[in-house]
């Protein structure tokens, strides 16, 4: 098992955060019946998720930035999206 690489650490963090943002939009587009948009987000989810999996398979410690990225991505998306707030 190799040591942690700062670039890979940041890459996993960002890719997971972006992947969570894609999940949010995927769920919304699916619930709105927008098939093409939902399918494009689905493909993006697969790419970002695959990138993260490839990275943490070589070193399980990369699950830490993956979890932190997921937390940050969801938090950022929910806090900054004013269009879905209930009135």
PDB file of N, CA and C in Angstrom:
ATOM      1  N   UNK A   1       0.853  -1.176   0.000  1.00  0.00           N
ATOM      2  CA  UNK A   1       0.000   0.000   0.000  1.00  0.00           C
ATOM      3  C   UNK A   1       0.899   1.239   0.000  1.00  0.00           C
ATOM      4  N   UNK A   2       0.663   2.115  -0.947  1.00  0.00           N
ATOM      5  CA  UNK A   2       1.459   3.333  -1.051  1.00  0.00           C
ATOM      6  C   UNK A   2       0.980   4.386  -0.063  1.00  0.00           C
ATOM      7  N   UNK A   3       1.817   5.422   0.161  1.00  0.00           N
ATOM      8  CA  UNK A   3       1.417   6.523   1.024  1.00  0.00           C
ATOM      9  C   UNK A   3       0.396   7.401   0.315  1.00  0.00           C
ATOM     10  N   UNK A   4      -0.190   8.298   1.071  1.00  0.00           N
ATOM     11  CA  UNK A   4      -1.192   9.199   0.498  1.00  0.00           C
ATOM     12  C   UNK A   4      -0.515  10.264  -0.347  1.00  0.00           C
ATOM     13  N   UNK A   5      -1.107  10.546  -1.487  1.00  0.00           N
ATOM     14  CA  UNK A   5      -0.637  11.566  -2.404  1.00  0.00           C
ATOM     15  C   UNK A   5      -1.609  12.743  -2.300  1.00  0.00           C
ATOM     16  N   UNK A   6      -1.088  13.946  -2.052  1.00  0.00           N
ATOM     17  CA  UNK A   6      -1.950  15.114  -1.858  1.00  0.00           C
ATOM     18  C   UNK A   6      -2.828  15.377  -3.079  1.00  0.00           C
ATOM     19  N   UNK A   7      -2.280  15.233  -4.280  1.00  0.00           N
ATOM     20  CA  UNK A   7      -3.065  15.457  -5.494  1.00  0.00           C
ATOM     21  C   UNK A   7      -4.229  14.473  -5.565  1.00  0.00           C
ATOM     22  N   UNK A   8      -3.962  13.195  -5.311  1.00  0.00           N
ATOM     23  CA  UNK A   8      -5.030  12.193  -5.342  1.00  0.00           C
ATOM     24  C   UNK A   8      -6.049  12.446  -4.236  1.00  0.00           C
ATOM     25  N   UNK A   9      -5.570  12.856  -3.064  1.00  0.00           N
ATOM     26  CA  UNK A   9      -6.456  13.174  -1.955  1.00  0.00           C
ATOM     27  C   UNK A   9      -7.451  14.260  -2.377  1.00  0.00           C
ATOM     28  N   UNK A  10      -6.923  15.345  -2.959  1.00  0.00           N
ATOM     29  CA  UNK A  10      -7.782  16.448  -3.402  1.00  0.00           C
ATOM     30  C   UNK A  10      -8.676  16.025  -4.564  1.00  0.00           C
ATOM     31  N   UNK A  11      -8.154  15.222  -5.477  1.00  0.00           N
ATOM     32  CA  UNK A  11      -8.940  14.735  -6.607  1.00  0.00           C
ATOM     33  C   UNK A  11     -10.141  13.916  -6.135  1.00  0.00           C
ATOM     34  N   UNK A  12      -9.922  13.028  -5.178  1.00  0.00           N
ATOM     35  CA  UNK A  12     -11.011  12.208  -4.648  1.00  0.00           C
ATOM     36  C   UNK A  12     -12.030  13.097  -3.932  1.00  0.00           C
ATOM     37  N   UNK A  13     -11.555  14.059  -3.150  1.00  0.00           N
ATOM     38  CA  UNK A  13     -12.447  14.980  -2.451  1.00  0.00           C
ATOM     39  C   UNK A  13     -13.328  15.740  -3.440  1.00  0.00           C
ATOM     40  N   UNK A  14     -12.721  16.330  -4.452  1.00  0.00           N
ATOM     41  CA  UNK A  14     -13.470  17.128  -5.433  1.00  0.00           C
ATOM     42  C   UNK A  14     -14.392  16.242  -6.264  1.00  0.00           C
ATOM     43  N   UNK A  15     -13.895  15.103  -6.725  1.00  0.00           N
ATOM     44  CA  UNK A  15     -14.718  14.219  -7.567  1.00  0.00           C
ATOM     45  C   UNK A  15     -15.937  13.713  -6.796  1.00  0.00           C
ATOM     46  N   UNK A  16     -15.774  13.388  -5.532  1.00  0.00           N
ATOM     47  CA  UNK A  16     -16.908  12.923  -4.746  1.00  0.00           C
ATOM     48  C   UNK A  16     -17.891  14.057  -4.476  1.00  0.00           C
ATOM     49  N   UNK A  17     -17.365  15.242  -4.184  1.00  0.00           N
ATOM     50  CA  UNK A  17     -18.243  16.398  -3.985  1.00  0.00           C
ATOM     51  C   UNK A  17     -19.055  16.711  -5.230  1.00  0.00           C
ATOM     52  N   UNK A  18     -18.394  16.710  -6.383  1.00  0.00           N
ATOM     53  CA  UNK A  18     -19.088  16.965  -7.646  1.00  0.00           C
ATOM     54  C   UNK A  18     -20.082  15.842  -7.935  1.00  0.00           C
ATOM     55  N   UNK A  19     -19.685  14.609  -7.630  1.00  0.00           N
ATOM     56  CA  UNK A  19     -20.601  13.484  -7.822  1.00  0.00           C
ATOM     57  C   UNK A  19     -21.871  13.631  -7.004  1.00  0.00           C
ATOM     58  N   UNK A  20     -21.749  14.132  -5.785  1.00  0.00           N
ATOM     59  CA  UNK A  20     -22.949  14.354  -4.964  1.00  0.00           C
ATOM     60  C   UNK A  20     -23.821  15.471  -5.535  1.00  0.00           C
ATOM     61  N   UNK A  21     -23.194  16.480  -6.077  1.00  0.00           N
ATOM     62  CA  UNK A  21     -23.961  17.538  -6.751  1.00  0.00           C
ATOM     63  C   UNK A  21     -24.721  16.941  -7.926  1.00  0.00           C
ATOM     64  N   UNK A  22     -24.044  16.081  -8.706  1.00  0.00           N
ATOM     65  CA  UNK A  22     -24.715  15.416  -9.833  1.00  0.00           C
ATOM     66  C   UNK A  22     -25.889  14.570  -9.350  1.00  0.00           C
ATOM     67  N   UNK A  23     -25.716  13.865  -8.217  1.00  0.00           N
ATOM     68  CA  UNK A  23     -26.809  13.054  -7.677  1.00  0.00           C
ATOM     69  C   UNK A  23     -28.034  13.919  -7.367  1.00  0.00           C
ATOM     70  N   UNK A  24     -27.788  15.077  -6.775  1.00  0.00           N
ATOM     71  CA  UNK A  24     -28.896  15.967  -6.433  1.00  0.00           C
ATOM     72  C   UNK A  24     -29.675  16.365  -7.677  1.00  0.00           C
ATOM     73  N   UNK A  25     -28.952  16.769  -8.701  1.00  0.00           N
ATOM     74  CA  UNK A  25     -29.621  17.179  -9.937  1.00  0.00           C
ATOM     75  C   UNK A  25     -30.250  15.993 -10.670  1.00  0.00           C
ATOM     76  N   UNK A  26     -29.629  14.823 -10.571  1.00  0.00           N
ATOM     77  CA  UNK A  26     -30.204  13.620 -11.171  1.00  0.00           C
ATOM     78  C   UNK A  26     -31.574  13.316 -10.551  1.00  0.00           C
ATOM     79  N   UNK A  27     -31.633  13.364  -9.228  1.00  0.00           N
ATOM     80  CA  UNK A  27     -32.892  13.079  -8.526  1.00  0.00           C
ATOM     81  C   UNK A  27     -33.960  14.098  -8.909  1.00  0.00           C
ATOM     82  N   UNK A  28     -33.574  15.350  -8.966  1.00  0.00           N
ATOM     83  CA  UNK A  28     -34.547  16.389  -9.338  1.00  0.00           C
ATOM     84  C   UNK A  28     -35.044  16.195 -10.760  1.00  0.00           C
ATOM     85  N   UNK A  29     -34.133  15.978 -11.696  1.00  0.00           N
ATOM     86  CA  UNK A  29     -34.545  15.825 -13.099  1.00  0.00           C
ATOM     87  C   UNK A  29     -35.399  14.580 -13.283  1.00  0.00           C
ATOM     88  N   UNK A  30     -35.086  13.520 -12.553  1.00  0.00           N
ATOM     89  CA  UNK A  30     -35.891  12.302 -12.628  1.00  0.00           C
ATOM     90  C   UNK A  30     -37.296  12.563 -12.106  1.00  0.00           C
ATOM     91  N   UNK A  31     -37.404  13.248 -10.979  1.00  0.00           N
ATOM     92  CA  UNK A  31     -38.724  13.518 -10.408  1.00  0.00           C
ATOM     93  C   UNK A  31     -39.540  14.467 -11.275  1.00  0.00           C
ATOM     94  N   UNK A  32     -38.856  15.281 -12.085  1.00  0.00           N
ATOM     95  CA  UNK A  32     -39.548  16.193 -12.998  1.00  0.00           C
ATOM     96  C   UNK A  32     -39.877  15.531 -14.339  1.00  0.00           C
ATOM     97  N   UNK A  33     -39.461  14.273 -14.517  1.00  0.00           N
ATOM     98  CA  UNK A  33     -39.727  13.554 -15.757  1.00  0.00           C
ATOM     99  C   UNK A  33     -38.852  13.987 -16.922  1.00  0.00           C
ATOM    100  N   UNK A  34     -37.720  14.602 -16.644  1.00  0.00           N
ATOM    101  CA  UNK A  34     -36.807  15.063 -17.700  1.00  0.00           C
ATOM    102  C   UNK A  34     -35.785  13.972 -17.967  1.00  0.00           C
ATOM    103  N   UNK A  35     -36.144  13.051 -18.859  1.00  0.00           N
ATOM    104  CA  UNK A  35     -35.363  11.835 -19.082  1.00  0.00           C
ATOM    105  C   UNK A  35     -33.962  12.114 -19.628  1.00  0.00           C
ATOM    106  N   UNK A  36     -33.830  12.971 -20.615  1.00  0.00           N
ATOM    107  CA  UNK A  36     -32.517  13.225 -21.203  1.00  0.00           C
ATOM    108  C   UNK A  36     -31.575  13.868 -20.190  1.00  0.00           C
ATOM    109  N   UNK A  37     -32.056  14.879 -19.484  1.00  0.00           N
ATOM    110  CA  UNK A  37     -31.210  15.530 -18.488  1.00  0.00           C
ATOM    111  C   UNK A  37     -30.830  14.562 -17.370  1.00  0.00           C
ATOM    112  N   UNK A  38     -31.782  13.767 -16.917  1.00  0.00           N
ATOM    113  CA  UNK A  38     -31.503  12.788 -15.860  1.00  0.00           C
ATOM    114  C   UNK A  38     -30.474  11.767 -16.332  1.00  0.00           C
ATOM    115  N   UNK A  39     -30.589  11.324 -17.569  1.00  0.00           N
ATOM    116  CA  UNK A  39     -29.645  10.322 -18.071  1.00  0.00           C
ATOM    117  C   UNK A  39     -28.242  10.905 -18.222  1.00  0.00           C
ATOM    118  N   UNK A  40     -28.125  12.175 -18.578  1.00  0.00           N
ATOM    119  CA  UNK A  40     -26.803  12.811 -18.658  1.00  0.00           C
ATOM    120  C   UNK A  40     -26.169  12.923 -17.274  1.00  0.00           C
ATOM    121  N   UNK A  41     -26.965  13.266 -16.276  1.00  0.00           N
ATOM    122  CA  UNK A  41     -26.434  13.297 -14.908  1.00  0.00           C
ATOM    123  C   UNK A  41     -26.054  11.893 -14.443  1.00  0.00           C
ATOM    124  N   UNK A  42     -26.809  10.889 -14.851  1.00  0.00           N
ATOM    125  CA  UNK A  42     -26.496   9.515 -14.498  1.00  0.00           C
ATOM    126  C   UNK A  42     -25.132   9.105 -15.057  1.00  0.00           C
ATOM    127  N   UNK A  43     -24.871   9.467 -16.300  1.00  0.00           N
ATOM    128  CA  UNK A  43     -23.568   9.158 -16.905  1.00  0.00           C
ATOM    129  C   UNK A  43     -22.440   9.880 -16.170  1.00  0.00           C
ATOM    130  N   UNK A  44     -22.665  11.130 -15.792  1.00  0.00           N
ATOM    131  CA  UNK A  44     -21.656  11.893 -15.060  1.00  0.00           C
ATOM    132  C   UNK A  44     -21.389  11.274 -13.688  1.00  0.00           C
ATOM    133  N   UNK A  45     -22.434  10.751 -13.053  1.00  0.00           N
ATOM    134  CA  UNK A  45     -22.284  10.083 -11.763  1.00  0.00           C
ATOM    135  C   UNK A  45     -21.383   8.861 -11.909  1.00  0.00           C
ATOM    136  N   UNK A  46     -21.588   8.099 -12.970  1.00  0.00           N
ATOM    137  CA  UNK A  46     -20.775   6.905 -13.202  1.00  0.00           C
ATOM    138  C   UNK A  46     -19.306   7.251 -13.406  1.00  0.00           C
ATOM    139  N   UNK A  47     -19.040   8.313 -14.138  1.00  0.00           N
ATOM    140  CA  UNK A  47     -17.655   8.711 -14.407  1.00  0.00           C
ATOM    141  C   UNK A  47     -16.966   9.177 -13.125  1.00  0.00           C
ATOM    142  N   UNK A  48     -17.613  10.063 -12.370  1.00  0.00           N
ATOM    143  CA  UNK A  48     -16.986  10.553 -11.138  1.00  0.00           C
ATOM    144  C   UNK A  48     -16.848   9.431 -10.107  1.00  0.00           C
ATOM    145  N   UNK A  49     -17.870   8.594  -9.996  1.00  0.00           N
ATOM    146  CA  UNK A  49     -17.793   7.473  -9.061  1.00  0.00           C
ATOM    147  C   UNK A  49     -16.699   6.482  -9.436  1.00  0.00           C
ATOM    148  N   UNK A  50     -16.582   6.201 -10.722  1.00  0.00           N
ATOM    149  CA  UNK A  50     -15.538   5.290 -11.189  1.00  0.00           C
ATOM    150  C   UNK A  50     -14.146   5.824 -10.905  1.00  0.00           C
ATOM    151  N   UNK A  51     -13.957   7.113 -11.101  1.00  0.00           N
ATOM    152  CA  UNK A  51     -12.670   7.740 -10.818  1.00  0.00           C
ATOM    153  C   UNK A  51     -12.302   7.588  -9.341  1.00  0.00           C
ATOM    154  N   UNK A  52     -13.271   7.812  -8.479  1.00  0.00           N
ATOM    155  CA  UNK A  52     -13.028   7.687  -7.046  1.00  0.00           C
ATOM    156  C   UNK A  52     -12.720   6.238  -6.675  1.00  0.00           C
ATOM    157  N   UNK A  53     -13.485   5.307  -7.208  1.00  0.00           N
ATOM    158  CA  UNK A  53     -13.278   3.890  -6.886  1.00  0.00           C
ATOM    159  C   UNK A  53     -11.896   3.433  -7.335  1.00  0.00           C
ATOM    160  N   UNK A  54     -11.502   3.805  -8.542  1.00  0.00           N
ATOM    161  CA  UNK A  54     -10.177   3.427  -9.043  1.00  0.00           C
ATOM    162  C   UNK A  54      -9.094   3.932  -8.103  1.00  0.00           C
ATOM    163  N   UNK A  55      -9.271   5.125  -7.574  1.00  0.00           N
ATOM    164  CA  UNK A  55      -8.260   5.708  -6.692  1.00  0.00           C
ATOM    165  C   UNK A  55      -8.222   5.020  -5.340  1.00  0.00           C
ATOM    166  N   UNK A  56      -9.378   4.793  -4.706  1.00  0.00           N
ATOM    167  CA  UNK A  56      -9.306   4.230  -3.361  1.00  0.00           C
ATOM    168  C   UNK A  56      -9.105   2.729  -3.332  1.00  0.00           C
ATOM    169  N   UNK A  57      -9.205   2.053  -4.474  1.00  0.00           N
ATOM    170  CA  UNK A  57      -8.887   0.629  -4.494  1.00  0.00           C
ATOM    171  C   UNK A  57      -7.393   0.436  -4.224  1.00  0.00           C
ATOM    172  N   UNK A  58      -6.564   1.373  -4.686  1.00  0.00           N
ATOM    173  CA  UNK A  58      -5.128   1.244  -4.444  1.00  0.00           C
ATOM    174  C   UNK A  58      -4.743   1.582  -3.004  1.00  0.00           C
ATOM    175  N   UNK A  59      -5.549   2.387  -2.328  1.00  0.00           N
ATOM    176  CA  UNK A  59      -5.256   2.739  -0.936  1.00  0.00           C
ATOM    177  C   UNK A  59      -6.570   3.099  -0.240  1.00  0.00           C
ATOM    178  N   UNK A  60      -6.952   2.288   0.707  1.00  0.00           N
ATOM    179  CA  UNK A  60      -8.250   2.457   1.380  1.00  0.00           C
ATOM    180  C   UNK A  60      -8.365   3.778   2.133  1.00  0.00           C
ATOM    181  N   UNK A  61      -7.260   4.420   2.456  1.00  0.00           N
ATOM    182  CA  UNK A  61      -7.303   5.704   3.162  1.00  0.00           C
ATOM    183  C   UNK A  61      -7.936   6.804   2.318  1.00  0.00           C
ATOM    184  N   UNK A  62      -8.027   6.595   1.002  1.00  0.00           N
ATOM    185  CA  UNK A  62      -8.686   7.586   0.150  1.00  0.00           C
ATOM    186  C   UNK A  62     -10.204   7.604   0.363  1.00  0.00           C
ATOM    187  N   UNK A  63     -10.715   6.674   1.153  1.00  0.00           N
ATOM    188  CA  UNK A  63     -12.129   6.728   1.521  1.00  0.00           C
ATOM    189  C   UNK A  63     -12.410   7.937   2.415  1.00  0.00           C
ATOM    190  N   UNK A  64     -11.396   8.415   3.135  1.00  0.00           N
ATOM    191  CA  UNK A  64     -11.571   9.584   4.002  1.00  0.00           C
ATOM    192  C   UNK A  64     -11.915  10.825   3.174  1.00  0.00           C
ATOM    193  N   UNK A  65     -11.105  11.191   2.153  1.00  0.00           N
ATOM    194  CA  UNK A  65     -11.506  12.355   1.349  1.00  0.00           C
ATOM    195  C   UNK A  65     -12.785  12.100   0.564  1.00  0.00           C
ATOM    196  N   UNK A  66     -13.068  10.835   0.232  1.00  0.00           N
ATOM    197  CA  UNK A  66     -14.315  10.529  -0.473  1.00  0.00           C
ATOM    198  C   UNK A  66     -15.516  10.860   0.427  1.00  0.00           C
ATOM    199  N   UNK A  67     -15.442  10.465   1.678  1.00  0.00           N
ATOM    200  CA  UNK A  67     -16.534  10.768   2.610  1.00  0.00           C
ATOM    201  C   UNK A  67     -16.644  12.269   2.859  1.00  0.00           C
ATOM    202  N   UNK A  68     -15.507  12.938   3.019  1.00  0.00           N
ATOM    203  CA  UNK A  68     -15.526  14.384   3.231  1.00  0.00           C
ATOM    204  C   UNK A  68     -16.062  15.121   2.004  1.00  0.00           C
ATOM    205  N   UNK A  69     -15.700  14.645   0.818  1.00  0.00           N
ATOM    206  CA  UNK A  69     -16.211  15.258  -0.412  1.00  0.00           C
ATOM    207  C   UNK A  69     -17.711  15.069  -0.551  1.00  0.00           C
ATOM    208  N   UNK A  70     -18.206  13.894  -0.187  1.00  0.00           N
ATOM    209  CA  UNK A  70     -19.646  13.639  -0.235  1.00  0.00           C
ATOM    210  C   UNK A  70     -20.375  14.566   0.726  1.00  0.00           C
ATOM    211  N   UNK A  71     -19.837  14.705   1.906  1.00  0.00           N
ATOM    212  CA  UNK A  71     -20.440  15.594   2.895  1.00  0.00           C
ATOM    213  C   UNK A  71     -20.467  17.027   2.359  1.00  0.00           C
ATOM    214  N   UNK A  72     -19.339  17.508   1.858  1.00  0.00           N
ATOM    215  CA  UNK A  72     -19.244  18.886   1.366  1.00  0.00           C
ATOM    216  C   UNK A  72     -20.129  19.117   0.142  1.00  0.00           C
ATOM    217  N   UNK A  73     -20.167  18.158  -0.776  1.00  0.00           N
ATOM    218  CA  UNK A  73     -20.970  18.311  -1.992  1.00  0.00           C
ATOM    219  C   UNK A  73     -22.448  18.425  -1.702  1.00  0.00           C
ATOM    220  N   UNK A  74     -22.939  17.557  -0.845  1.00  0.00           N
ATOM    221  CA  UNK A  74     -24.356  17.609  -0.498  1.00  0.00           C
ATOM    222  C   UNK A  74     -24.679  18.868   0.292  1.00  0.00           C
ATOM    223  N   UNK A  75     -23.848  19.187   1.266  1.00  0.00           N
ATOM    224  CA  UNK A  75     -24.088  20.378   2.082  1.00  0.00           C
ATOM    225  C   UNK A  75     -24.114  21.632   1.211  1.00  0.00           C
ATOM    226  N   UNK A  76     -23.131  21.771   0.334  1.00  0.00           N
ATOM    227  CA  UNK A  76     -23.040  22.936  -0.545  1.00  0.00           C
ATOM    228  C   UNK A  76     -24.270  23.046  -1.447  1.00  0.00           C
ATOM    229  N   UNK A  77     -24.670  21.939  -2.043  1.00  0.00           N
ATOM    230  CA  UNK A  77     -25.804  21.957  -2.962  1.00  0.00           C
ATOM    231  C   UNK A  77     -27.098  22.327  -2.255  1.00  0.00           C
ATOM    232  N   UNK A  78     -27.348  21.720  -1.116  1.00  0.00           N
ATOM    233  CA  UNK A  78     -28.592  21.991  -0.391  1.00  0.00           C
ATOM    234  C   UNK A  78     -28.613  23.428   0.142  1.00  0.00           C
ATOM    235  N   UNK A  79     -27.493  23.912   0.668  1.00  0.00           N
ATOM    236  CA  UNK A  79     -27.451  25.260   1.238  1.00  0.00           C
ATOM    237  C   UNK A  79     -27.525  26.354   0.177  1.00  0.00           C
ATOM    238  N   UNK A  80     -27.023  26.111  -1.029  1.00  0.00           N
ATOM    239  CA  UNK A  80     -26.967  27.175  -2.034  1.00  0.00           C
ATOM    240  C   UNK A  80     -28.113  27.132  -3.025  1.00  0.00           C
ATOM    241  N   UNK A  81     -28.934  26.109  -2.995  1.00  0.00           N
ATOM    242  CA  UNK A  81     -30.022  26.016  -3.966  1.00  0.00           C
ATOM    243  C   UNK A  81     -31.268  26.687  -3.411  1.00  0.00           C
ATOM    244  N   UNK A  82     -31.493  27.902  -3.840  1.00  0.00           N
ATOM    245  CA  UNK A  82     -32.663  28.650  -3.352  1.00  0.00           C
ATOM    246  C   UNK A  82     -33.924  28.338  -4.148  1.00  0.00           C
ATOM    247  N   UNK A  83     -33.792  27.701  -5.298  1.00  0.00           N
ATOM    248  CA  UNK A  83     -34.965  27.457  -6.152  1.00  0.00           C
ATOM    249  C   UNK A  83     -35.886  26.376  -5.613  1.00  0.00           C
ATOM    250  N   UNK A  84     -35.407  25.533  -4.712  1.00  0.00           N
ATOM    251  CA  UNK A  84     -36.223  24.425  -4.216  1.00  0.00           C
ATOM    252  C   UNK A  84     -36.734  24.652  -2.805  1.00  0.00           C
ATOM    253  N   UNK A  85     -36.503  25.809  -2.247  1.00  0.00           N
ATOM    254  CA  UNK A  85     -36.957  26.080  -0.892  1.00  0.00           C
ATOM    255  C   UNK A  85     -38.460  26.221  -0.835  1.00  0.00           C
ATOM    256  N   UNK A  86     -39.040  25.711   0.206  1.00  0.00           N
ATOM    257  CA  UNK A  86     -40.487  25.834   0.385  1.00  0.00           C
ATOM    258  C   UNK A  86     -40.828  27.251   0.803  1.00  0.00           C
ATOM    259  N   UNK A  87     -41.945  27.713   0.349  1.00  0.00           N
ATOM    260  CA  UNK A  87     -42.364  29.085   0.689  1.00  0.00           C
ATOM    261  C   UNK A  87     -43.501  29.067   1.650  1.00  0.00           C
TER     262      UNK A  87
END
